[in-house]
C-alpha cells in the first residue's frame, strides 16, 4: 500500500511540476512579446533623437532656411486641402 501511495504522490508531483512549467512558458512568451514591443519603441525614439541631433548640428543659417522651407511646404499643403 505504501508503494501505491508513493507512486501516486510522485505522479501528482510530476503533474504539478509540468503545470507550473507550462505556466512559466506562457509567462515567458508574454514577456518576450513585451520586450519586442519595447525594443521597437526604443529604436524609434533613438532614430528621432539622432535626427534631432543632426538638425541641431547644422549651421544656424541652413537650419533657418530649412525651417522656412518646411513651413512653406506646410502652408502649401494646407491651402491645397481647403475647399474651393
N, C-alpha and C. Protein backbone atom coordinates (compact mmCIF):
# COMPACT_ATOMS: atom_id res chain seq x y z
N UNK A 1 0.81 -1.19 0.00
CA UNK A 1 0.00 0.00 0.00
C UNK A 1 0.86 1.26 0.00
N UNK A 2 1.92 1.26 0.73
CA UNK A 2 2.81 2.42 0.74
C UNK A 2 3.40 2.66 -0.64
N UNK A 3 3.65 1.60 -1.37
CA UNK A 3 4.22 1.74 -2.71
C UNK A 3 3.23 2.43 -3.63
N UNK A 4 1.96 2.03 -3.53
CA UNK A 4 0.94 2.64 -4.37
C UNK A 4 0.78 4.12 -4.05
N UNK A 5 0.77 4.46 -2.77
CA UNK A 5 0.65 5.86 -2.39
C UNK A 5 1.87 6.66 -2.80
N UNK A 6 3.03 6.05 -2.72
CA UNK A 6 4.26 6.73 -3.13
C UNK A 6 4.24 7.01 -4.64
N UNK A 7 3.82 6.01 -5.41
CA UNK A 7 3.72 6.19 -6.86
C UNK A 7 2.69 7.28 -7.18
N UNK A 8 1.55 7.27 -6.50
CA UNK A 8 0.52 8.29 -6.72
C UNK A 8 1.06 9.68 -6.37
N UNK A 9 1.82 9.77 -5.29
CA UNK A 9 2.41 11.05 -4.89
C UNK A 9 3.40 11.55 -5.94
N UNK A 10 4.23 10.64 -6.44
CA UNK A 10 5.22 11.01 -7.46
C UNK A 10 4.53 11.49 -8.73
N UNK A 11 3.49 10.78 -9.16
CA UNK A 11 2.76 11.17 -10.37
C UNK A 11 2.07 12.52 -10.18
N UNK A 12 1.48 12.73 -9.00
CA UNK A 12 0.83 14.00 -8.71
C UNK A 12 1.85 15.14 -8.69
N UNK A 13 3.00 14.90 -8.10
CA UNK A 13 4.05 15.91 -8.05
C UNK A 13 4.56 16.24 -9.44
N UNK A 14 4.72 15.24 -10.27
CA UNK A 14 5.18 15.45 -11.64
C UNK A 14 4.15 16.24 -12.44
N UNK A 15 2.86 15.93 -12.26
CA UNK A 15 1.80 16.66 -12.96
C UNK A 15 1.81 18.13 -12.53
N UNK A 16 1.98 18.38 -11.24
CA UNK A 16 2.04 19.76 -10.74
C UNK A 16 3.25 20.51 -11.31
N UNK A 17 4.37 19.82 -11.37
CA UNK A 17 5.58 20.44 -11.92
C UNK A 17 5.40 20.78 -13.40
N UNK A 18 4.78 19.89 -14.15
CA UNK A 18 4.54 20.16 -15.56
C UNK A 18 3.57 21.32 -15.74
N UNK A 19 2.56 21.42 -14.88
CA UNK A 19 1.62 22.52 -14.94
C UNK A 19 2.32 23.86 -14.66
N UNK A 20 3.17 23.86 -13.64
CA UNK A 20 3.93 25.08 -13.33
C UNK A 20 4.87 25.45 -14.46
N UNK A 21 5.48 24.45 -15.08
CA UNK A 21 6.39 24.70 -16.19
C UNK A 21 5.65 25.29 -17.39
N UNK A 22 4.44 24.79 -17.68
CA UNK A 22 3.64 25.31 -18.78
C UNK A 22 3.26 26.77 -18.49
N UNK A 23 2.90 27.06 -17.25
CA UNK A 23 2.56 28.43 -16.88
C UNK A 23 3.78 29.35 -17.02
N UNK A 24 4.93 28.87 -16.61
CA UNK A 24 6.16 29.67 -16.74
C UNK A 24 6.48 29.93 -18.22
N UNK A 25 6.24 28.94 -19.08
CA UNK A 25 6.46 29.14 -20.52
C UNK A 25 5.53 30.21 -21.08
N UNK A 26 4.26 30.18 -20.66
CA UNK A 26 3.32 31.21 -21.12
C UNK A 26 3.76 32.60 -20.66
N UNK A 27 4.19 32.70 -19.42
CA UNK A 27 4.66 33.99 -18.90
C UNK A 27 5.88 34.48 -19.67
N UNK A 28 6.78 33.58 -20.00
CA UNK A 28 7.98 33.97 -20.74
C UNK A 28 7.63 34.44 -22.15
N UNK A 29 6.67 33.79 -22.79
CA UNK A 29 6.24 34.22 -24.13
C UNK A 29 5.65 35.62 -24.07
N UNK A 30 4.84 35.89 -23.05
CA UNK A 30 4.27 37.22 -22.89
C UNK A 30 5.36 38.25 -22.64
N UNK A 31 6.32 37.90 -21.83
CA UNK A 31 7.42 38.82 -21.53
C UNK A 31 8.24 39.09 -22.79
N UNK A 32 8.46 38.06 -23.61
CA UNK A 32 9.19 38.25 -24.86
C UNK A 32 8.44 39.21 -25.79
N UNK A 33 7.12 39.06 -25.85
CA UNK A 33 6.31 39.96 -26.67
C UNK A 33 6.41 41.40 -26.20
N UNK A 34 6.38 41.59 -24.88
CA UNK A 34 6.52 42.94 -24.33
C UNK A 34 7.90 43.50 -24.62
N UNK A 35 8.91 42.67 -24.52
CA UNK A 35 10.28 43.13 -24.79
C UNK A 35 10.44 43.54 -26.26
N UNK A 36 9.86 42.76 -27.17
CA UNK A 36 9.93 43.10 -28.59
C UNK A 36 9.27 44.45 -28.86
N UNK A 37 8.10 44.66 -28.25
CA UNK A 37 7.38 45.92 -28.42
C UNK A 37 8.20 47.08 -27.86
N UNK A 38 8.80 46.88 -26.71
CA UNK A 38 9.64 47.91 -26.09
C UNK A 38 10.86 48.22 -26.96
N UNK A 39 11.47 47.18 -27.52
CA UNK A 39 12.64 47.38 -28.39
C UNK A 39 12.28 48.21 -29.62
N UNK A 40 11.12 47.95 -30.21
CA UNK A 40 10.69 48.72 -31.38
C UNK A 40 10.49 50.19 -31.00
N UNK A 41 9.86 50.43 -29.86
CA UNK A 41 9.66 51.80 -29.41
C UNK A 41 11.00 52.49 -29.15
N UNK A 42 11.91 51.77 -28.52
CA UNK A 42 13.22 52.34 -28.22
C UNK A 42 13.98 52.66 -29.50
N UNK A 43 13.89 51.80 -30.49
CA UNK A 43 14.53 52.07 -31.78
C UNK A 43 13.96 53.33 -32.42
N UNK A 44 12.64 53.48 -32.37
CA UNK A 44 12.01 54.66 -32.94
C UNK A 44 12.45 55.93 -32.23
N UNK A 45 12.51 55.87 -30.91
CA UNK A 45 12.93 57.04 -30.14
C UNK A 45 14.39 57.39 -30.44
N UNK A 46 15.24 56.39 -30.54
CA UNK A 46 16.65 56.68 -30.82
C UNK A 46 16.81 57.27 -32.21
N UNK A 47 16.01 56.83 -33.18
CA UNK A 47 16.08 57.43 -34.53
C UNK A 47 15.66 58.89 -34.49
N UNK A 48 14.61 59.19 -33.72
CA UNK A 48 14.17 60.58 -33.60
C UNK A 48 15.24 61.45 -32.95
N UNK A 49 15.88 60.92 -31.93
CA UNK A 49 16.93 61.68 -31.24
C UNK A 49 18.10 61.93 -32.18
N UNK A 50 18.51 60.91 -32.92
CA UNK A 50 19.62 61.08 -33.87
C UNK A 50 19.28 62.12 -34.93
N UNK A 51 18.05 62.07 -35.43
CA UNK A 51 17.63 63.04 -36.45
C UNK A 51 17.65 64.45 -35.86
N UNK A 52 17.17 64.61 -34.64
CA UNK A 52 17.20 65.91 -33.99
C UNK A 52 18.61 66.41 -33.76
N UNK A 53 19.50 65.51 -33.39
CA UNK A 53 20.90 65.90 -33.19
C UNK A 53 21.53 66.34 -34.50
N UNK A 54 21.19 65.68 -35.60
CA UNK A 54 21.72 66.08 -36.90
C UNK A 54 21.23 67.48 -37.26
N UNK A 55 19.96 67.75 -36.98
CA UNK A 55 19.40 69.07 -37.28
C UNK A 55 20.09 70.13 -36.43
N UNK A 56 20.31 69.83 -35.15
CA UNK A 56 20.97 70.80 -34.27
C UNK A 56 22.43 71.01 -34.66
N UNK A 57 23.04 70.01 -35.28
CA UNK A 57 24.45 70.12 -35.66
C UNK A 57 24.63 70.94 -36.93
N UNK A 58 23.55 71.19 -37.67
CA UNK A 58 23.65 72.00 -38.89
C UNK A 58 23.98 73.45 -38.51
N UNK A 59 24.64 74.15 -39.38
CA UNK A 59 24.85 75.57 -39.12
C UNK A 59 23.50 76.30 -39.02
N UNK A 60 23.47 77.37 -38.25
CA UNK A 60 22.21 78.07 -37.99
C UNK A 60 21.56 78.58 -39.26
N UNK A 61 22.34 79.05 -40.24
CA UNK A 61 21.74 79.58 -41.47
C UNK A 61 21.03 78.48 -42.25
N UNK A 62 21.66 77.33 -42.34
CA UNK A 62 20.99 76.22 -43.03
C UNK A 62 19.74 75.79 -42.30
N UNK A 63 19.82 75.77 -40.98
CA UNK A 63 18.68 75.36 -40.18
C UNK A 63 17.50 76.31 -40.39
N UNK A 64 17.76 77.62 -40.41
CA UNK A 64 16.67 78.57 -40.59
C UNK A 64 16.08 78.47 -41.99
N UNK A 65 16.91 78.28 -42.99
CA UNK A 65 16.41 78.11 -44.36
C UNK A 65 15.57 76.85 -44.44
N UNK A 66 16.04 75.80 -43.82
CA UNK A 66 15.31 74.54 -43.85
C UNK A 66 13.98 74.67 -43.13
N UNK A 67 13.95 75.38 -42.01
CA UNK A 67 12.72 75.56 -41.25
C UNK A 67 11.71 76.36 -42.06
N UNK A 68 12.15 77.43 -42.69
CA UNK A 68 11.26 78.24 -43.53
C UNK A 68 10.72 77.39 -44.67
N UNK A 69 11.57 76.59 -45.27
CA UNK A 69 11.15 75.71 -46.37
C UNK A 69 10.08 74.74 -45.88
N UNK A 70 10.27 74.14 -44.73
CA UNK A 70 9.29 73.19 -44.19
C UNK A 70 7.98 73.90 -43.86
N UNK A 71 8.06 75.11 -43.31
CA UNK A 71 6.85 75.87 -43.01
C UNK A 71 6.09 76.20 -44.28
N UNK A 72 6.82 76.61 -45.31
CA UNK A 72 6.16 76.92 -46.58
C UNK A 72 5.49 75.69 -47.18
N UNK A 73 6.13 74.56 -47.09
CA UNK A 73 5.52 73.32 -47.59
C UNK A 73 4.22 73.04 -46.84
N UNK A 74 4.25 73.25 -45.53
CA UNK A 74 3.05 73.03 -44.73
C UNK A 74 1.93 73.96 -45.12
N UNK A 75 2.24 75.23 -45.39
CA UNK A 75 1.22 76.18 -45.82
C UNK A 75 0.64 75.78 -47.16
N UNK A 76 1.50 75.38 -48.08
CA UNK A 76 1.04 74.97 -49.41
C UNK A 76 0.11 73.77 -49.27
N UNK A 77 0.49 72.82 -48.44
CA UNK A 77 -0.34 71.63 -48.26
C UNK A 77 -1.68 72.01 -47.62
N UNK A 78 -1.65 72.95 -46.66
CA UNK A 78 -2.89 73.37 -46.01
C UNK A 78 -3.81 74.08 -47.00
N UNK A 79 -3.25 74.99 -47.80
CA UNK A 79 -4.08 75.72 -48.76
C UNK A 79 -4.61 74.80 -49.85
N UNK A 80 -3.84 73.81 -50.20
CA UNK A 80 -4.28 72.88 -51.25
C UNK A 80 -5.46 72.04 -50.77
N UNK A 81 -5.55 71.81 -49.47
CA UNK A 81 -6.63 70.96 -48.95
C UNK A 81 -7.90 71.75 -48.65
N UNK A 82 -7.87 73.08 -48.75
CA UNK A 82 -9.07 73.88 -48.49
C UNK A 82 -10.07 73.72 -49.62
N UNK A 83 -11.39 73.71 -49.28
CA UNK A 83 -12.41 73.61 -50.34
C UNK A 83 -12.43 74.88 -51.17
N UNK A 84 -12.71 74.71 -52.44
CA UNK A 84 -12.72 75.88 -53.34
C UNK A 84 -14.08 76.09 -53.91
